[in-house]
C-alpha atoms as a PDB file:
ATOM      1  CA  MET A   1      15.754  -7.010  12.996  1.00  0.00           C
ATOM      2  CA  ILE A   2      13.797  -4.963  10.480  1.00  0.00           C
ATOM      3  CA  THR A   3      14.300  -1.212  10.260  1.00  0.00           C
ATOM      4  CA  ILE A   4      11.616   0.885   8.553  1.00  0.00           C
ATOM      5  CA  SER A   5      11.613   4.591   7.788  1.00  0.00           C
ATOM      6  CA  LEU A   6       9.270   6.831   5.857  1.00  0.00           C
ATOM      7  CA  ARG A   7       6.118   5.861   4.065  1.00  0.00           C
ATOM      8  CA  PRO A   8       6.294   6.679   0.385  1.00  0.00           C
ATOM      9  CA  VAL A   9       4.056   9.643  -0.310  1.00  0.00           C
ATOM     10  CA  GLY A  10       4.306  11.585  -3.539  1.00  0.00           C
ATOM     11  CA  ARG A  11       7.954  11.433  -4.539  1.00  0.00           C
ATOM     12  CA  ASN A  12       9.257  10.350  -1.131  1.00  0.00           C
ATOM     13  CA  TRP A  13      10.965   7.016  -0.714  1.00  0.00           C
ATOM     14  CA  GLY A  14      10.267   4.539   2.045  1.00  0.00           C
ATOM     15  CA  THR A  15      13.044   2.268   3.243  1.00  0.00           C
ATOM     16  CA  ILE A  16      13.218  -1.159   4.818  1.00  0.00           C
ATOM     17  CA  SER A  17      16.489  -2.638   5.990  1.00  0.00           C
ATOM     18  CA  PHE A  18      16.944  -6.158   7.340  1.00  0.00           C
ATOM     19  CA  ALA A  19      19.645  -8.675   8.190  1.00  0.00           C
ATOM     20  CA  SER A  20      20.215 -11.278   5.477  1.00  0.00           C
ATOM     21  CA  THR A  21      17.589 -13.981   5.894  1.00  0.00           C
ATOM     22  CA  LEU A  22      15.237 -16.078   3.819  1.00  0.00           C
ATOM     23  CA  TYR A  23      12.371 -15.400   6.233  1.00  0.00           C
ATOM     24  CA  LEU A  24      10.846 -12.734   4.007  1.00  0.00           C
ATOM     25  CA  CYS A  25       7.096 -12.886   4.724  1.00  0.00           C
ATOM     26  CA  PRO A  26       6.987  -9.798   7.001  1.00  0.00           C
ATOM     27  CA  ILE A  27       9.183  -7.800   4.624  1.00  0.00           C
ATOM     28  CA  LEU A  28       7.051  -8.722   1.621  1.00  0.00           C
ATOM     29  CA  ASP A  29       3.882  -7.862   3.562  1.00  0.00           C
ATOM     30  CA  LEU A  30       5.287  -4.402   4.310  1.00  0.00           C
ATOM     31  CA  LEU A  31       6.421  -3.820   0.719  1.00  0.00           C
ATOM     32  CA  LEU A  32       3.043  -4.843  -0.699  1.00  0.00           C
ATOM     33  CA  ALA A  33       0.814  -3.099   1.857  1.00  0.00           C
ATOM     34  CA  GLU A  34      -0.132  -0.235  -0.475  1.00  0.00           C
ATOM     35  CA  ILE A  35      -0.163  -2.234  -3.729  1.00  0.00           C
ATOM     36  CA  PRO A  36      -3.521  -2.900  -5.444  1.00  0.00           C
ATOM     37  CA  VAL A  37      -4.774  -6.407  -4.604  1.00  0.00           C
ATOM     38  CA  LYS A  38      -4.863  -7.513  -8.245  1.00  0.00           C
ATOM     39  CA  LEU A  39      -1.075  -6.965  -8.548  1.00  0.00           C
ATOM     40  CA  GLN A  40      -0.013  -8.371  -5.177  1.00  0.00           C
ATOM     41  CA  ALA A  41       0.471 -12.071  -6.024  1.00  0.00           C
ATOM     42  CA  GLU A  42       2.602 -11.388  -9.093  1.00  0.00           C
ATOM     43  CA  LEU A  43       4.673  -8.694  -7.389  1.00  0.00           C
ATOM     44  CA  ARG A  44       5.118 -10.851  -4.267  1.00  0.00           C
ATOM     45  CA  LEU A  45       6.722 -13.539  -6.429  1.00  0.00           C
ATOM     46  CA  GLY A  46       9.006 -11.043  -8.175  1.00  0.00           C
ATOM     47  CA  LEU A  47      10.046  -9.212  -5.015  1.00  0.00           C
ATOM     48  CA  GLN A  48      10.646 -12.505  -3.219  1.00  0.00           C
ATOM     49  CA  GLU A  49      13.015 -13.602  -5.993  1.00  0.00           C
ATOM     50  CA  ALA A  50      14.876 -10.281  -5.844  1.00  0.00           C
ATOM     51  CA  LEU A  51      15.174 -10.347  -2.036  1.00  0.00           C
ATOM     52  CA  VAL A  52      16.315 -13.989  -1.995  1.00  0.00           C
ATOM     53  CA  ASN A  53      18.988 -13.120  -4.572  1.00  0.00           C
ATOM     54  CA  ALA A  54      20.206 -10.192  -2.448  1.00  0.00           C
ATOM     55  CA  ALA A  55      20.276 -12.120   0.848  1.00  0.00           C
ATOM     56  CA  LYS A  56      21.466 -15.501  -0.455  1.00  0.00           C
ATOM     57  CA  HIS A  57      23.666 -14.764  -3.461  1.00  0.00           C
ATOM     58  CA  GLY A  58      24.680 -11.198  -2.610  1.00  0.00           C
ATOM     59  CA  ASN A  59      25.220 -11.406   1.143  1.00  0.00           C
ATOM     60  CA  ASN A  60      25.732 -15.205   1.403  1.00  0.00           C
ATOM     61  CA  LEU A  61      23.082 -15.246   4.174  1.00  0.00           C
ATOM     62  CA  ASP A  62      25.582 -13.484   6.452  1.00  0.00           C
ATOM     63  CA  PRO A  63      23.394 -12.040   9.252  1.00  0.00           C
ATOM     64  CA  SER A  64      25.900  -9.229   9.806  1.00  0.00           C
ATOM     65  CA  LYS A  65      25.175  -7.964   6.272  1.00  0.00           C
ATOM     66  CA  ARG A  66      21.998  -6.070   5.484  1.00  0.00           C
ATOM     67  CA  VAL A  67      19.629  -5.837   2.562  1.00  0.00           C
ATOM     68  CA  LEU A  68      18.225  -2.357   1.958  1.00  0.00           C
ATOM     69  CA  VAL A  69      14.997  -1.796   0.016  1.00  0.00           C
ATOM     70  CA  ARG A  70      13.865   1.669  -1.054  1.00  0.00           C
ATOM     71  CA  PHE A  71      10.384   1.927  -2.545  1.00  0.00           C
ATOM     72  CA  SER A  72       8.068   4.563  -3.954  1.00  0.00           C
ATOM     73  CA  LEU A  73       5.171   5.310  -6.274  1.00  0.00           C
ATOM     74  CA  ILE A  74       6.240   7.877  -8.872  1.00  0.00           C
ATOM     75  CA  ASP A  75       4.060   8.933 -11.809  1.00  0.00           C
ATOM     76  CA  ASN A  76       2.006   5.705 -11.975  1.00  0.00           C
ATOM     77  CA  GLN A  77       5.106   3.540 -11.516  1.00  0.00           C
ATOM     78  CA  TYR A  78       5.969   1.436  -8.475  1.00  0.00           C
ATOM     79  CA  TRP A  79       9.731   1.412  -7.872  1.00  0.00           C
ATOM     80  CA  TRP A  80      11.866  -0.821  -5.668  1.00  0.00           C
ATOM     81  CA  ILE A  81      15.631  -0.416  -5.300  1.00  0.00           C
ATOM     82  CA  ILE A  82      17.205  -3.417  -3.581  1.00  0.00           C
ATOM     83  CA  SER A  83      20.816  -3.198  -2.383  1.00  0.00           C
ATOM     84  CA  ASP A  84      23.042  -5.815  -0.809  1.00  0.00           C
ATOM     85  CA  GLN A  85      26.554  -5.725   0.671  1.00  0.00           C
ATOM     86  CA  GLY A  86      27.990  -8.501  -1.466  1.00  0.00           C
ATOM     87  CA  ARG A  87      30.771  -8.538  -4.048  1.00  0.00           C
ATOM     88  CA  GLY A  88      28.430  -7.876  -6.945  1.00  0.00           C
ATOM     89  CA  PHE A  89      26.801  -9.533  -9.884  1.00  0.00           C
ATOM     90  CA  SER A  90      27.523  -9.239 -13.619  1.00  0.00           C
ATOM     91  CA  PRO A  91      24.212  -9.384 -15.471  1.00  0.00           C
ATOM     92  CA  CYS A  92      23.969  -8.989 -19.229  1.00  0.00           C
ATOM     93  CA  SER A  93      23.993  -5.301 -20.109  1.00  0.00           C
ATOM     94  CA  ALA A  94      21.890  -5.487 -23.259  1.00  0.00           C
ATOM     95  CA  GLY A  95      18.778  -3.327 -23.155  1.00  0.00           C
ATOM     96  CA  ASP A  96      16.047  -5.598 -24.538  1.00  0.00           C
ATOM     97  CA  ILE A  97      16.936  -9.092 -23.388  1.00  0.00           C
ATOM     98  CA  ASP A  98      14.604 -11.981 -23.972  1.00  0.00           C
ATOM     99  CA  PRO A  99      13.779 -13.359 -20.494  1.00  0.00           C
ATOM    100  CA  GLU A 100      14.122 -16.876 -21.939  1.00  0.00           C
ATOM    101  CA  GLU A 101      17.879 -16.230 -22.266  1.00  0.00           C
ATOM    102  CA  TYR A 102      18.134 -16.413 -18.472  1.00  0.00           C
ATOM    103  CA  LEU A 103      16.594 -19.872 -18.313  1.00  0.00           C
ATOM    104  CA  PRO A 104      19.212 -22.537 -17.636  1.00  0.00           C
ATOM    105  CA  PRO A 105      19.798 -25.166 -20.342  1.00  0.00           C
ATOM    106  CA  ASP A 106      19.381 -27.991 -17.823  1.00  0.00           C
ATOM    107  CA  GLU A 107      16.998 -28.685 -14.957  1.00  0.00           C
ATOM    108  CA  SER A 108      18.917 -26.621 -12.382  1.00  0.00           C
ATOM    109  CA  GLU A 109      17.351 -23.653 -10.639  1.00  0.00           C
ATOM    110  CA  SER A 110      20.127 -21.241 -11.649  1.00  0.00           C
ATOM    111  CA  GLY A 111      18.721 -18.399 -13.736  1.00  0.00           C
ATOM    112  CA  ARG A 112      15.066 -19.017 -12.922  1.00  0.00           C
ATOM    113  CA  GLY A 113      14.818 -15.948 -10.673  1.00  0.00           C
ATOM    114  CA  LEU A 114      16.266 -13.632 -13.312  1.00  0.00           C
ATOM    115  CA  CYS A 115      13.782 -14.919 -15.862  1.00  0.00           C
ATOM    116  CA  ILE A 116      10.915 -14.300 -13.419  1.00  0.00           C
ATOM    117  CA  LEU A 117      12.100 -10.737 -12.725  1.00  0.00           C
ATOM    118  CA  HIS A 118      12.138  -9.882 -16.419  1.00  0.00           C
ATOM    119  CA  GLN A 119       8.666 -11.316 -16.927  1.00  0.00           C
ATOM    120  CA  ILE A 120       7.042  -9.560 -13.954  1.00  0.00           C
ATOM    121  CA  PHE A 121       8.626  -6.116 -13.953  1.00  0.00           C
ATOM    122  CA  ASP A 122       8.604  -3.528 -16.715  1.00  0.00           C
ATOM    123  CA  GLN A 123      12.159  -2.424 -15.918  1.00  0.00           C
ATOM    124  CA  VAL A 124      14.949  -4.527 -14.398  1.00  0.00           C
ATOM    125  CA  GLU A 125      18.319  -2.790 -14.065  1.00  0.00           C
ATOM    126  CA  TRP A 126      21.463  -3.333 -11.991  1.00  0.00           C
ATOM    127  CA  ASN A 127      24.105  -0.794 -11.067  1.00  0.00           C
ATOM    128  CA  ARG A 128      27.578  -1.322 -12.556  1.00  0.00           C
ATOM    129  CA  LYS A 129      28.869  -3.139  -9.496  1.00  0.00           C
ATOM    130  CA  GLY A 130      25.860  -5.466  -9.445  1.00  0.00           C
ATOM    131  CA  THR A 131      24.943  -4.787  -5.825  1.00  0.00           C
ATOM    132  CA  GLU A 132      21.842  -2.719  -6.505  1.00  0.00           C
ATOM    133  CA  LEU A 133      18.766  -3.801  -8.444  1.00  0.00           C
ATOM    134  CA  ARG A 134      16.113  -1.355  -9.688  1.00  0.00           C
ATOM    135  CA  LEU A 135      12.670  -2.768 -10.391  1.00  0.00           C
ATOM    136  CA  CYS A 136       9.722  -0.896 -11.858  1.00  0.00           C
ATOM    137  CA  LYS A 137       6.101  -1.900 -12.398  1.00  0.00           C
ATOM    138  CA  GLN A 138       3.973   0.431 -14.502  1.00  0.00           C
ATOM    139  CA  LEU A 139       0.372   0.835 -13.401  1.00  0.00           C
ATOM    140  CA  GLU A 140      -2.278   0.480 -16.047  1.00  0.00           C
ATOM    141  CA  HIS A 141      -2.975   3.720 -17.851  1.00  0.00           C
ATOM    142  CA  ARG A 142      -6.546   4.839 -17.651  1.00  0.00           C
ATOM    143  CA  PRO A 143      -7.696   6.807 -20.665  1.00  0.00           C
ATOM    144  CA  ARG A 144      -8.451  10.417 -19.888  1.00  0.00           C
ATOM    145  CA  LEU A 145     -11.785  11.863 -20.845  1.00  0.00           C
ATOM    146  CA  ALA A 146     -11.551  14.129 -23.823  1.00  0.00           C
ATOM    147  CA  LEU A 147     -12.564  17.698 -23.178  1.00  0.00           C
ATOM    148  CA  ARG A 148     -15.253  18.980 -25.533  1.00  0.00           C
ATOM    149  CA  ARG A 149     -14.999  22.422 -26.974  1.00  0.00           C
END
């Protein structure tokens, strides 16, 4: 079951809550509905990685546990806050981490999602417990017209 409340307008936050699952197409469609078409493919990949991590690694695909996504557009920035009910995750706390550091040394898949998140989003931050992920994508700045005096 998917629960939706609010549409993000101005500084309001929309929310989507769903039972832990890997069937994410309808959730991704809802999260990307208001995103410019040219950003949708890239953001779909990044959000899918974040949601899979929350449902699979955070909640262990336990259908009694929920994933909560809050989203908004604030000052030319798209924000997503993804929370799970798991035990937490201990990411590196360094500010400017090279995304390549998350790539695994072997051919395993472990770490690939974290590398993708850091390459797609402008900000990737976890809370201290590691159960909440904040993602931000900055919209392109359009130069303002100079006023003539």
